[in-house]
């Protein structure tokens, strides 16, 4: 029986770091990796997986949709709640991520829906729905808005009933329908006529034919090798892909990969998820990993609290013998509430439409609650390109902020930041020399002769090329500069001065000019309304529209320019593109 799996570290990507073959693997001295992390993405600033922070300056990102051909993707592809496998180097507290593989648990079309679950590609999916964490929704706001036939991508771990407990559900475009990926365990193997093998995975029958590409991987070598169909057996962990959907409950696999257990003794391993099986008071499994907790130190609970369905984070090392491997846990943490499993993102604000709706690192954030704790600033100092660190908990497709910290001029916030008004750039630089960012505040110490002034304690300088505008999108000039004026300045730190490239004067009594970009949901063509990033948008007969409104549907990409009045954006320009 396969008891542990670290992932498909194929030669295709491992060659980025070392030559294939021979001894070594993730977490082994052969690769120079210090260890492996398996679990859900819980934050950005660098990369945060199951609460562990990893530097990402040299990180290679891969997507494993088709197990036979992992593809390189940009950092922008990574989202909260995605299940990943990450290799890292460095000592405790200074870990540097080297390779991160995004591994969807299932991709396919919804076959049936219930109040808190659905079936996709024969796999039952349930919402996480604990007090510690909710399932992340992408491109939709409410579970009830999903429909049979929708194409979705699900990330999660399996429970004792082999159901997927989802950490993330993403609604895909209609064009994505027609392909299937499943990561799971073979429950039965049946030989049919013509040498066809029929496997049972969840409630789906999967046919393996002579045209199915078969392989196996081992994290000992990090390489893949051919596999005979006769080697397929009950209990094996597999990833499979088909460019089609199932027909009459049967899927014909185009590729299938068996993920073998490692034999890499003493390799460090960190995992997170719900307990799938409990075979003894101190021995259990999470997803693919069997854990021995006999010598572990517990926090948030004790050994007697271990039970099927409990959400944990586990640290330890692999112990291998007689072809099987177990994670010998040194530390186990129970996740009991939102503070135990907070989401944390750091970077530049983008798509700002007020404290109740903005983005940081592709994460939609609501910081409008009266209970939000602000550090280094107030809600009135939020705006596009301001660098912040946000901590909070998930509610569907929105991160509800509990704390917002403004990064200071020296970049001394606890995490690094990005430099894009889209809120989705890479995480290097903080507010160090040359990093584009914004400050919001009131002018003091203004010297017209030199163009110098202070905002929030930052010494700033107006340049000959500085651009001026109002918050409603109107034109302005340097003549509006004066002590006591409220504004947003954008630019870069150069030496002791913040060189200003743009000044935005605040107009408290006027609607704010905003630009939003994202995926539309809750579309109502009759009322001419939609939601974008948790912001309500309305268009009318005066809106300049590029694309076909009649075809506008949930999941379409939309770009908006308009005026924010209260919590509603009235679109002046709207660009619609099919995903």
Protein backbone atom coordinates (compact mmCIF):
# COMPACT_ATOMS: atom_id res chain seq x y z
CA UNK A 1 0.00 0.00 0.00
CA UNK A 2 1.28 3.45 -0.88
CA UNK A 3 1.34 5.47 2.31
CA UNK A 4 3.07 8.74 1.38
CA UNK A 5 3.51 10.88 -1.69
CA UNK A 6 5.51 14.04 -2.17
CA UNK A 7 4.52 14.67 -5.77
CA UNK A 8 5.44 14.31 -9.36
CA UNK A 9 8.85 15.93 -9.60
CA UNK A 10 9.53 15.12 -13.21
CA UNK A 11 12.72 15.42 -15.18
CA UNK A 12 11.11 18.17 -17.25
CA UNK A 13 11.22 20.64 -14.37
CA UNK A 14 13.96 19.14 -12.24
CA UNK A 15 16.41 19.83 -15.05
CA UNK A 16 15.92 23.50 -14.19
CA UNK A 17 17.86 22.82 -11.02
CA UNK A 18 19.99 19.73 -11.58
CA UNK A 19 20.47 16.91 -14.03
CA UNK A 20 17.92 14.08 -13.92
CA UNK A 21 18.50 10.56 -12.68
CA UNK A 22 20.65 9.16 -9.95
CA UNK A 23 20.15 9.55 -6.24
CA UNK A 24 18.54 12.52 -4.60
CA UNK A 25 15.14 14.19 -4.74
CA UNK A 26 13.04 16.70 -2.88
CA UNK A 27 14.29 17.04 0.63
CA UNK A 28 17.42 15.01 -0.04
CA UNK A 29 21.07 15.88 0.09
CA UNK A 30 21.24 14.90 -3.58
CA UNK A 31 19.34 18.04 -4.63
CA UNK A 32 20.40 20.43 -1.91
CA UNK A 33 16.76 20.94 -0.90
CA UNK A 34 16.13 21.28 2.83
CA UNK A 35 12.63 19.85 2.57
CA UNK A 36 9.17 19.78 1.05
CA UNK A 37 5.92 21.58 1.88
CA UNK A 38 2.52 20.17 0.82
CA UNK A 39 -0.72 22.05 1.39
CA UNK A 40 -2.84 25.08 0.59
CA UNK A 41 -1.56 28.56 -0.23
CA UNK A 42 -2.51 30.80 2.70
CA UNK A 43 -0.86 34.08 1.77
CA UNK A 44 1.48 36.23 -0.27
CA UNK A 45 4.25 38.64 0.55
CA UNK A 46 6.67 36.04 -0.37
CA UNK A 47 4.82 32.71 -0.71
CA UNK A 48 2.96 31.39 2.33
CA UNK A 49 1.82 27.76 2.42
CA UNK A 50 -0.05 26.45 5.48
CA UNK A 51 1.25 29.44 7.46
CA UNK A 52 4.91 28.88 6.55
CA UNK A 53 6.63 31.75 4.74
CA UNK A 54 9.13 31.12 1.93
CA UNK A 55 11.24 33.61 -0.02
CA UNK A 56 10.31 33.57 -3.71
CA UNK A 57 13.13 35.47 -5.42
CA UNK A 58 14.33 32.39 -7.34
CA UNK A 59 11.10 30.40 -7.43
CA UNK A 60 10.05 28.36 -10.46
CA UNK A 61 6.27 27.92 -10.82
CA UNK A 62 4.79 24.86 -12.54
CA UNK A 63 1.25 23.71 -13.24
CA UNK A 64 0.44 20.00 -13.21
CA UNK A 65 -2.82 19.67 -15.12
CA UNK A 66 -1.74 16.89 -17.46
CA UNK A 67 0.63 14.71 -15.38
CA UNK A 68 2.56 13.82 -18.51
CA UNK A 69 3.49 17.42 -19.28
CA UNK A 70 3.88 19.93 -16.46
CA UNK A 71 4.11 23.48 -17.78
CA UNK A 72 5.87 26.58 -16.52
CA UNK A 73 3.55 29.40 -15.40
CA UNK A 74 4.01 32.91 -14.03
CA UNK A 75 3.78 33.83 -10.36
CA UNK A 76 0.52 35.58 -11.21
CA UNK A 77 -1.12 32.15 -11.66
CA UNK A 78 -0.84 31.32 -7.96
CA UNK A 79 -3.93 32.01 -5.83
CA UNK A 80 -5.10 31.62 -2.24
CA UNK A 81 -6.39 28.11 -1.50
CA UNK A 82 -4.50 26.34 -4.28
CA UNK A 83 -2.98 23.00 -3.32
CA UNK A 84 0.75 23.00 -4.02
CA UNK A 85 3.92 21.00 -3.49
CA UNK A 86 6.95 23.14 -2.80
CA UNK A 87 10.63 22.34 -2.39
CA UNK A 88 12.79 24.70 -0.36
CA UNK A 89 16.31 25.38 0.79
CA UNK A 90 17.70 27.29 3.75
CA UNK A 91 17.49 27.00 7.50
CA UNK A 92 14.45 27.55 9.72
CA UNK A 93 13.18 31.11 9.47
CA UNK A 94 15.08 31.76 6.22
CA UNK A 95 13.59 29.18 3.86
CA UNK A 96 13.78 29.93 0.14
CA UNK A 97 11.30 28.26 -2.21
CA UNK A 98 12.91 26.70 -5.27
CA UNK A 99 10.14 24.90 -7.16
CA UNK A 100 6.38 25.14 -6.61
CA UNK A 101 3.94 22.83 -8.38
CA UNK A 102 0.25 23.80 -8.55
CA UNK A 103 -1.77 20.56 -8.37
CA UNK A 104 -5.55 20.84 -8.89
CA UNK A 105 -7.41 17.96 -7.27
CA UNK A 106 -10.11 17.79 -9.92
CA UNK A 107 -11.05 19.70 -13.07
CA UNK A 108 -14.31 19.00 -14.87
CA UNK A 109 -17.96 19.89 -15.30
CA UNK A 110 -20.47 19.86 -12.45
CA UNK A 111 -22.75 16.82 -12.65
CA UNK A 112 -24.98 17.48 -9.62
CA UNK A 113 -25.42 20.01 -6.80
CA UNK A 114 -26.60 19.87 -3.18
CA UNK A 115 -26.80 22.52 -0.47
CA UNK A 116 -23.13 22.24 0.56
CA UNK A 117 -21.62 19.82 -1.94
CA UNK A 118 -21.37 18.98 -5.61
CA UNK A 119 -20.19 16.19 -7.87
CA UNK A 120 -17.63 16.85 -10.60
CA UNK A 121 -16.12 14.08 -12.73
CA UNK A 122 -17.55 11.51 -10.34
CA UNK A 123 -15.85 13.11 -7.32
CA UNK A 124 -17.92 14.40 -4.43
CA UNK A 125 -16.72 17.86 -3.32
CA UNK A 126 -17.68 19.43 0.00
CA UNK A 127 -17.11 22.93 1.31
CA UNK A 128 -14.48 23.24 4.00
CA UNK A 129 -16.95 25.18 6.14
CA UNK A 130 -15.09 25.11 9.46
CA UNK A 131 -14.69 27.95 11.90
CA UNK A 132 -11.03 28.10 10.93
CA UNK A 133 -11.32 28.53 7.20
CA UNK A 134 -13.86 28.65 4.43
CA UNK A 135 -13.48 27.49 0.86
CA UNK A 136 -12.13 30.16 -1.49
CA UNK A 137 -14.49 31.02 -4.35
CA UNK A 138 -13.05 32.44 -7.57
CA UNK A 139 -15.20 34.08 -10.27
CA UNK A 140 -18.39 33.61 -8.25
CA UNK A 141 -19.60 34.89 -4.90
CA UNK A 142 -22.07 32.30 -3.61
CA UNK A 143 -22.11 28.51 -3.80
CA UNK A 144 -25.77 28.68 -4.83
CA UNK A 145 -24.83 30.54 -8.01
CA UNK A 146 -23.09 27.45 -9.44
CA UNK A 147 -25.04 25.35 -11.93
CA UNK A 148 -24.90 21.87 -13.39
CA UNK A 149 -22.65 21.96 -16.44
CA UNK A 150 -20.34 24.69 -15.13
CA UNK A 151 -16.66 23.89 -15.63
CA UNK A 152 -14.74 24.21 -12.35
CA UNK A 153 -11.28 23.64 -10.90
CA UNK A 154 -11.19 22.30 -7.35
CA UNK A 155 -8.31 22.18 -4.86
CA UNK A 156 -8.53 20.25 -1.61
CA UNK A 157 -7.74 17.12 0.39
CA UNK A 158 -9.66 13.83 0.69
CA UNK A 159 -11.62 12.81 3.80
CA UNK A 160 -12.42 9.33 5.14
CA UNK A 161 -15.23 8.93 2.58
CA UNK A 162 -12.85 9.85 -0.24
CA UNK A 163 -14.71 13.13 -0.69
CA UNK A 164 -12.72 16.25 -1.56
CA UNK A 165 -12.80 18.89 1.19
CA UNK A 166 -12.29 21.96 -0.97
CA UNK A 167 -9.87 24.72 -0.07
CA UNK A 168 -10.65 26.42 -3.38
CA UNK A 169 -13.27 26.25 -6.16
CA UNK A 170 -12.73 28.27 -9.32
CA UNK A 171 -15.43 28.77 -11.91
CA UNK A 172 -13.83 28.34 -15.32
CA UNK A 173 -14.93 29.80 -18.62
CA UNK A 174 -17.26 27.88 -20.90
CA UNK A 175 -14.32 27.33 -23.23
CA UNK A 176 -12.59 25.31 -20.51
CA UNK A 177 -15.38 22.72 -20.46
CA UNK A 178 -14.45 19.43 -22.09
CA UNK A 179 -11.31 18.41 -20.20
CA UNK A 180 -10.86 16.39 -17.02
CA UNK A 181 -8.17 16.03 -14.39
CA UNK A 182 -8.43 13.88 -11.28
CA UNK A 183 -5.99 13.24 -8.47
CA UNK A 184 -7.09 10.33 -6.29
CA UNK A 185 -6.76 6.71 -5.27
CA UNK A 186 -7.62 3.61 -7.30
CA UNK A 187 -10.49 1.84 -5.52
CA UNK A 188 -10.95 -1.05 -7.96
CA UNK A 189 -9.39 -2.52 -11.11
CA UNK A 190 -11.38 -4.53 -13.67
CA UNK A 191 -10.12 -6.18 -16.87
CA UNK A 192 -12.41 -5.72 -19.88
CA UNK A 193 -12.36 -7.13 -23.37
CA UNK A 194 -9.56 -6.06 -25.65
CA UNK A 195 -7.09 -5.54 -22.81
CA UNK A 196 -8.87 -2.45 -21.49
CA UNK A 197 -8.49 -1.84 -17.75
CA UNK A 198 -11.34 -0.10 -15.95
CA UNK A 199 -10.35 1.74 -12.79
CA UNK A 200 -12.71 3.11 -10.15
CA UNK A 201 -11.76 6.53 -8.76
CA UNK A 202 -14.49 8.03 -6.63
CA UNK A 203 -17.73 7.29 -8.47
CA UNK A 204 -16.05 7.51 -11.87
CA UNK A 205 -15.01 4.61 -14.07
CA UNK A 206 -11.74 5.34 -15.88
CA UNK A 207 -10.70 3.25 -18.88
CA UNK A 208 -7.02 2.68 -19.54
CA UNK A 209 -6.44 1.63 -23.14
CA UNK A 210 -3.46 0.98 -25.39
CA UNK A 211 -3.45 4.69 -26.28
CA UNK A 212 -3.23 5.87 -22.65
CA UNK A 213 0.19 7.26 -21.77
CA UNK A 214 1.28 5.54 -18.54
CA UNK A 215 4.15 6.55 -16.28
CA UNK A 216 5.28 6.48 -12.69
CA UNK A 217 7.25 8.95 -10.65
CA UNK A 218 9.35 8.74 -7.54
CA UNK A 219 10.50 11.65 -5.46
CA UNK A 220 13.68 9.70 -4.76
CA UNK A 221 15.05 10.48 -8.21
CA UNK A 222 12.66 13.20 -9.28
CA UNK A 223 12.33 11.48 -12.67
CA UNK A 224 9.50 9.65 -14.40
CA UNK A 225 9.62 6.27 -16.08
CA UNK A 226 7.27 4.20 -18.27
CA UNK A 227 4.72 1.97 -16.55
CA UNK A 228 3.00 -1.20 -17.68
CA UNK A 229 -0.78 -1.33 -17.36
CA UNK A 230 -0.39 -4.61 -15.51
CA UNK A 231 1.30 -2.69 -12.67
CA UNK A 232 -1.85 -0.70 -11.86
CA UNK A 233 -3.36 -1.79 -8.55
CA UNK A 234 -5.92 -0.91 -5.90
CA UNK A 235 -4.66 1.68 -3.42
CA UNK A 236 -2.25 3.44 -5.79
CA UNK A 237 -2.31 7.22 -5.85
CA UNK A 238 -2.68 8.52 -9.37
CA UNK A 239 -3.13 11.68 -11.38
CA UNK A 240 -4.92 11.37 -14.69
CA UNK A 241 -5.96 13.63 -17.52
CA UNK A 242 -8.36 13.42 -20.45
CA UNK A 243 -9.07 16.02 -23.10
CA UNK A 244 -12.73 14.98 -22.90
CA UNK A 245 -15.42 14.55 -20.25
CA UNK A 246 -16.92 11.25 -19.15
CA UNK A 247 -19.62 9.55 -21.20
CA UNK A 248 -22.24 7.47 -19.39
CA UNK A 249 -20.07 7.61 -16.28
CA UNK A 250 -16.93 6.36 -18.05
CA UNK A 251 -13.82 8.44 -18.83
CA UNK A 252 -11.11 7.39 -21.25
CA UNK A 253 -7.77 8.58 -19.84
CA UNK A 254 -5.24 10.06 -22.25
CA UNK A 255 -2.51 10.04 -19.58
CA UNK A 256 -2.19 8.50 -16.13
CA UNK A 257 0.67 8.69 -13.70
CA UNK A 258 1.23 6.59 -10.58
CA UNK A 259 2.88 8.58 -7.81
CA UNK A 260 5.19 6.24 -5.93
CA UNK A 261 6.27 6.62 -2.34
CA UNK A 262 9.75 7.98 -1.61
CA UNK A 263 12.42 6.16 0.34
CA UNK A 264 14.31 9.32 1.30
CA UNK A 265 15.00 8.78 4.97
CA UNK A 266 15.14 11.86 7.23
CA UNK A 267 13.90 14.30 4.57
CA UNK A 268 11.96 17.21 6.08
CA UNK A 269 8.25 17.37 5.27
CA UNK A 270 5.51 19.86 6.19
CA UNK A 271 1.86 19.18 5.44
CA UNK A 272 -1.59 20.59 6.17
CA UNK A 273 -5.15 19.36 5.84
CA UNK A 274 -7.90 17.30 7.45
CA UNK A 275 -7.36 13.88 8.99
CA UNK A 276 -8.57 11.26 6.51
CA UNK A 277 -8.08 8.10 8.56
CA UNK A 278 -7.16 7.39 12.18
CA UNK A 279 -5.68 3.90 12.52
CA UNK A 280 -4.54 4.32 16.15
CA UNK A 281 -4.59 7.07 18.78
CA UNK A 282 -1.33 8.50 17.39
CA UNK A 283 -1.30 7.29 13.78
CA UNK A 284 -3.35 8.91 11.04
CA UNK A 285 -3.27 10.09 7.45
CA UNK A 286 -3.76 13.49 5.84
CA UNK A 287 -4.36 13.31 2.12
CA UNK A 288 -1.53 11.20 0.77
CA UNK A 289 0.63 11.16 3.88
CA UNK A 290 0.64 8.70 6.79
CA UNK A 291 1.70 10.36 10.05
CA UNK A 292 3.17 8.91 13.24
CA UNK A 293 2.43 11.36 16.07
CA UNK A 294 3.82 9.29 18.95
CA UNK A 295 6.71 11.73 19.59
CA UNK A 296 5.04 14.95 18.49
CA UNK A 297 4.60 18.17 20.43
CA UNK A 298 1.00 19.45 20.20
CA UNK A 299 -0.41 22.99 20.18
CA UNK A 300 -4.06 23.97 20.15
CA UNK A 301 -4.97 20.49 21.39
CA UNK A 302 -3.58 17.18 22.64
CA UNK A 303 -3.16 13.69 21.19
CA UNK A 304 -6.58 12.70 22.49
CA UNK A 305 -8.12 15.39 20.25
CA UNK A 306 -6.94 13.67 17.07
CA UNK A 307 -10.02 12.61 15.11
CA UNK A 308 -11.18 12.13 11.54
CA UNK A 309 -12.00 15.53 10.07
CA UNK A 310 -9.77 17.62 12.38
CA UNK A 311 -7.77 20.26 10.53
CA UNK A 312 -4.03 20.14 11.29
CA UNK A 313 -0.59 21.34 10.31
CA UNK A 314 2.21 18.82 10.76
CA UNK A 315 6.01 19.15 10.67
CA UNK A 316 8.46 16.27 10.77
CA UNK A 317 10.78 13.99 8.82
CA UNK A 318 10.28 10.96 6.61
CA UNK A 319 11.11 7.55 8.05
CA UNK A 320 11.38 4.76 5.47
CA UNK A 321 11.67 1.02 5.84
CA UNK A 322 10.66 -2.05 3.82
CA UNK A 323 9.43 0.04 0.91
CA UNK A 324 6.98 2.17 2.93
CA UNK A 325 7.38 5.63 4.39
CA UNK A 326 5.83 7.50 7.30
CA UNK A 327 6.05 11.11 8.41
CA UNK A 328 7.49 11.10 11.93
CA UNK A 329 5.82 14.22 13.33
CA UNK A 330 7.77 16.55 15.59
CA UNK A 331 5.15 19.32 15.77
CA UNK A 332 1.36 19.18 15.28
CA UNK A 333 -0.89 22.21 15.42
CA UNK A 334 -4.69 22.06 15.61
CA UNK A 335 -6.51 24.71 13.60
CA UNK A 336 -9.44 25.75 15.76
CA UNK A 337 -10.39 29.29 14.70
CA UNK A 338 -9.72 32.09 12.23
CA UNK A 339 -6.60 33.26 14.08
CA UNK A 340 -5.08 29.79 13.73
CA UNK A 341 -5.57 29.87 9.97
CA UNK A 342 -5.41 33.51 9.00
CA UNK A 343 -4.82 34.58 5.42
CA UNK A 344 -2.06 37.12 4.90
CA UNK A 345 -1.24 39.14 1.79
CA UNK A 346 1.31 41.91 1.30
CA UNK A 347 1.80 44.19 -1.67
CA UNK A 348 0.48 47.17 -3.61
CA UNK A 349 -3.22 47.97 -3.63
CA UNK A 350 -4.94 47.75 -7.00
CA UNK A 351 -8.51 48.14 -8.31
CA UNK A 352 -9.24 50.42 -5.36
CA UNK A 353 -12.94 51.22 -5.02
CA UNK A 354 -12.97 52.15 -1.35
CA UNK A 355 -12.02 50.32 1.84
CA UNK A 356 -14.68 47.71 1.07
CA UNK A 357 -13.23 46.59 -2.24
CA UNK A 358 -9.64 46.49 -3.43
CA UNK A 359 -7.04 43.94 -4.48
CA UNK A 360 -3.64 42.94 -3.17
CA UNK A 361 -1.80 40.19 -5.04
CA UNK A 362 -4.95 39.13 -6.93
CA UNK A 363 -6.88 38.79 -3.68
CA UNK A 364 -10.10 40.79 -3.26
CA UNK A 365 -10.16 42.49 0.16
CA UNK A 366 -12.86 44.12 2.27
CA UNK A 367 -11.40 46.33 5.03
CA UNK A 368 -14.55 48.34 5.69
CA UNK A 369 -15.62 46.76 8.99
CA UNK A 370 -15.45 48.99 12.03
CA UNK A 371 -13.48 46.28 13.84
CA UNK A 372 -10.52 46.37 11.42
CA UNK A 373 -7.27 47.28 13.16
CA UNK A 374 -5.11 49.75 11.20
CA UNK A 375 -1.41 50.17 11.89
CA UNK A 376 0.70 52.99 10.47
CA UNK A 377 -2.30 54.70 8.89
CA UNK A 378 -6.09 54.79 8.64
CA UNK A 379 -8.73 53.63 6.17
CA UNK A 380 -8.67 57.09 4.58
CA UNK A 381 -5.06 56.48 3.52
CA UNK A 382 -5.88 53.46 1.36
CA UNK A 383 -5.55 53.98 -2.38
CA UNK A 384 -4.06 52.39 -5.47
CA UNK A 385 -0.31 51.65 -5.17
CA UNK A 386 -0.23 52.05 -1.38
CA UNK A 387 1.79 49.19 0.12
CA UNK A 388 0.01 47.23 2.83
CA UNK A 389 -0.04 43.95 4.67
CA UNK A 390 -3.54 42.56 5.23
CA UNK A 391 -4.48 39.75 7.62
CA UNK A 392 -7.94 38.26 7.88
CA UNK A 393 -10.22 35.34 7.07
CA UNK A 394 -12.00 34.17 3.94
CA UNK A 395 -15.66 34.65 3.12
CA UNK A 396 -16.33 33.15 -0.30
CA UNK A 397 -14.40 35.22 -2.82
CA UNK A 398 -13.36 37.99 -0.40
CA UNK A 399 -10.69 38.31 2.27
CA UNK A 400 -12.36 40.01 5.24
CA UNK A 401 -9.60 42.05 6.83
CA UNK A 402 -8.99 41.95 10.56
CA UNK A 403 -5.72 43.93 10.43
CA UNK A 404 -4.19 46.29 7.86
CA UNK A 405 -0.58 47.47 8.28
CA UNK A 406 0.93 50.20 6.13
CA UNK A 407 4.53 49.63 5.09
CA UNK A 408 6.95 52.35 6.09
CA UNK A 409 9.49 54.15 3.94
CA UNK A 410 12.21 51.69 4.81
CA UNK A 411 10.19 48.64 3.84
CA UNK A 412 10.35 47.41 7.42
CA UNK A 413 6.99 45.66 7.28
CA UNK A 414 7.24 41.97 8.05
CA UNK A 415 6.81 41.01 4.40
CA UNK A 416 7.95 42.20 1.00
CA UNK A 417 5.73 44.02 -1.45
CA UNK A 418 4.87 44.49 -5.08
CA UNK A 419 4.85 47.40 -7.44
CA UNK A 420 1.85 47.31 -9.70
CA UNK A 421 -1.44 49.15 -9.65
CA UNK A 422 -3.07 45.86 -10.63
CA UNK A 423 -2.15 44.49 -7.23
CA UNK A 424 -0.66 41.40 -8.84
CA UNK A 425 3.02 42.05 -9.38
CA UNK A 426 5.92 40.14 -7.92
CA UNK A 427 6.92 40.51 -4.32
CA UNK A 428 10.35 42.07 -4.37
CA UNK A 429 11.51 45.44 -3.23
CA UNK A 430 9.22 46.64 -0.44
CA UNK A 431 9.53 50.42 -0.42
CA UNK A 432 13.25 50.23 -1.05
CA UNK A 433 15.09 52.45 -3.52
CA UNK A 434 13.34 52.57 -6.90
CA UNK A 435 10.09 50.80 -5.92
CA UNK A 436 6.96 52.47 -7.29
CA UNK A 437 4.37 53.11 -4.58
CA UNK A 438 1.92 55.64 -3.17
CA UNK A 439 1.40 57.66 -0.02
CA UNK A 440 -1.92 59.21 1.08
CA UNK A 441 -2.08 62.12 3.47
CA UNK A 442 -2.01 65.86 4.05
CA UNK A 443 0.67 68.24 2.76
CA UNK A 444 2.91 70.01 5.28
CA UNK A 445 6.14 71.99 5.00
CA UNK A 446 5.50 72.85 1.35
CA UNK A 447 8.26 74.91 -0.30
CA UNK A 448 7.09 76.17 -3.70
CA UNK A 449 10.58 77.25 -4.69
CA UNK A 450 12.08 73.79 -4.33
CA UNK A 451 8.95 71.67 -4.81
CA UNK A 452 9.58 69.86 -1.55
CA UNK A 453 6.99 68.92 1.09
CA UNK A 454 6.10 66.22 3.60
CA UNK A 455 3.30 63.62 3.60
CA UNK A 456 3.01 61.08 6.44
CA UNK A 457 6.55 61.95 7.49
CA UNK A 458 7.87 61.24 3.98
CA UNK A 459 10.06 63.94 2.42
CA UNK A 460 8.76 64.32 -1.13
CA UNK A 461 9.85 66.29 -4.19
CA UNK A 462 7.84 67.49 -7.20
CA UNK A 463 9.56 67.04 -10.55
CA UNK A 464 9.17 69.01 -13.77
CA UNK A 465 7.48 65.93 -15.26
CA UNK A 466 5.04 65.34 -12.37
CA UNK A 467 1.45 64.81 -13.54
CA UNK A 468 -1.54 66.30 -11.65
CA UNK A 469 -5.17 65.17 -11.50
CA UNK A 470 -8.19 65.10 -9.19
CA UNK A 471 -9.68 62.01 -7.57
CA UNK A 472 -12.72 62.37 -9.85
CA UNK A 473 -10.48 62.17 -12.91
CA UNK A 474 -10.36 65.86 -13.69
CA UNK A 475 -7.31 67.90 -14.63
CA UNK A 476 -5.28 69.79 -12.04
CA UNK A 477 -1.99 71.64 -11.75
CA UNK A 478 0.78 72.47 -9.32
CA UNK A 479 -1.15 75.62 -8.43
CA UNK A 480 -3.36 73.47 -6.15
CA UNK A 481 -0.38 72.51 -3.98
CA UNK A 482 -0.56 74.02 -0.49
CA UNK A 483 -0.15 73.05 3.12
CA UNK A 484 -3.20 71.19 4.44
CA UNK A 485 -4.24 69.82 1.05
CA UNK A 486 -5.30 66.14 1.06
CA UNK A 487 -3.76 64.10 -1.74
CA UNK A 488 -2.19 60.87 -2.95
CA UNK A 489 1.35 60.95 -4.30
CA UNK A 490 2.87 58.21 -6.43
CA UNK A 491 6.49 57.75 -7.33
CA UNK A 492 9.75 56.18 -6.18
CA UNK A 493 12.22 56.64 -3.34
CA UNK A 494 15.52 58.05 -4.60
CA UNK A 495 18.04 58.65 -1.86
CA UNK A 496 16.48 60.71 0.92
CA UNK A 497 13.60 62.01 -1.24
CA UNK A 498 10.42 60.46 -2.60
CA UNK A 499 10.39 61.62 -6.23
CA UNK A 500 6.76 62.24 -7.18
CA UNK A 501 5.58 61.21 -10.64
CA UNK A 502 1.84 61.77 -10.02
CA UNK A 503 -0.26 63.86 -7.64
CA UNK A 504 -3.95 63.04 -7.12
CA UNK A 505 -5.85 65.77 -5.25
CA UNK A 506 -8.70 64.47 -3.10
CA UNK A 507 -12.18 65.84 -3.81
CA UNK A 508 -14.29 64.80 -0.85
CA UNK A 509 -17.60 65.94 -2.38
CA UNK A 510 -17.06 64.41 -5.83
CA UNK A 511 -17.35 60.79 -7.02
CA UNK A 512 -13.98 59.06 -7.31
CA UNK A 513 -12.62 58.05 -10.72
CA UNK A 514 -11.80 54.32 -10.63
CA UNK A 515 -10.46 51.64 -12.95
CA UNK A 516 -11.37 48.02 -12.29
CA UNK A 517 -10.43 44.81 -14.06
CA UNK A 518 -11.52 41.26 -13.35
CA UNK A 519 -14.07 38.54 -13.90
CA UNK A 520 -17.76 39.49 -13.93
CA UNK A 521 -20.27 37.69 -11.73
CA UNK A 522 -23.86 38.24 -10.61
CA UNK A 523 -24.53 39.63 -14.11
CA UNK A 524 -28.06 41.04 -14.64
CA UNK A 525 -28.56 42.15 -18.24
CA UNK A 526 -32.02 43.56 -17.50
CA UNK A 527 -30.92 45.75 -14.59
CA UNK A 528 -27.57 46.41 -16.33
CA UNK A 529 -25.57 45.51 -13.25
CA UNK A 530 -22.73 43.14 -12.36
CA UNK A 531 -20.19 42.50 -9.65
CA UNK A 532 -16.47 42.96 -10.19
CA UNK A 533 -14.00 42.23 -7.37
CA UNK A 534 -16.90 42.54 -4.85
CA UNK A 535 -17.76 45.98 -6.27
CA UNK A 536 -21.23 46.69 -7.69
CA UNK A 537 -21.09 48.10 -11.24
CA UNK A 538 -23.90 49.65 -13.25
CA UNK A 539 -23.88 50.66 -16.88
CA UNK A 540 -26.35 52.72 -18.90
CA UNK A 541 -27.02 54.11 -22.36
CA UNK A 542 -24.12 56.57 -22.02
CA UNK A 543 -21.54 53.89 -21.27
CA UNK A 544 -19.00 53.39 -24.05
CA UNK A 545 -18.94 49.62 -24.56
CA UNK A 546 -16.33 47.56 -26.35
CA UNK A 547 -17.53 44.02 -26.96
CA UNK A 548 -21.00 42.47 -26.93
CA UNK A 549 -23.17 43.16 -23.88
CA UNK A 550 -25.76 40.65 -25.09
CA UNK A 551 -23.17 37.88 -24.69
CA UNK A 552 -21.92 39.13 -21.32
CA UNK A 553 -22.08 36.26 -18.88
CA UNK A 554 -20.67 35.15 -15.56
CA UNK A 555 -16.97 34.45 -15.93
CA UNK A 556 -16.31 37.00 -18.68
CA UNK A 557 -13.35 39.36 -18.36
CA UNK A 558 -14.41 42.98 -17.88
CA UNK A 559 -12.49 46.25 -17.66
CA UNK A 560 -14.30 49.24 -16.22
CA UNK A 561 -13.57 52.95 -16.07
CA UNK A 562 -16.17 54.90 -14.12
CA UNK A 563 -17.18 56.98 -11.14
CA UNK A 564 -17.53 55.51 -7.66
CA UNK A 565 -20.35 57.09 -5.69
CA UNK A 566 -20.81 55.39 -2.33
CA UNK A 567 -20.56 51.67 -3.05
CA UNK A 568 -21.68 51.78 -6.70
CA UNK A 569 -19.52 52.35 -9.76
CA UNK A 570 -21.26 53.88 -12.77
CA UNK A 571 -19.34 52.73 -15.82
CA UNK A 572 -18.24 55.34 -18.32
CA UNK A 573 -16.27 52.78 -20.35
CA UNK A 574 -16.64 49.01 -20.34
CA UNK A 575 -14.54 46.47 -22.24
CA UNK A 576 -15.87 42.92 -22.43
CA UNK A 577 -13.77 39.97 -23.52
CA UNK A 578 -14.58 36.29 -23.60
CA UNK A 579 -12.28 34.30 -21.29
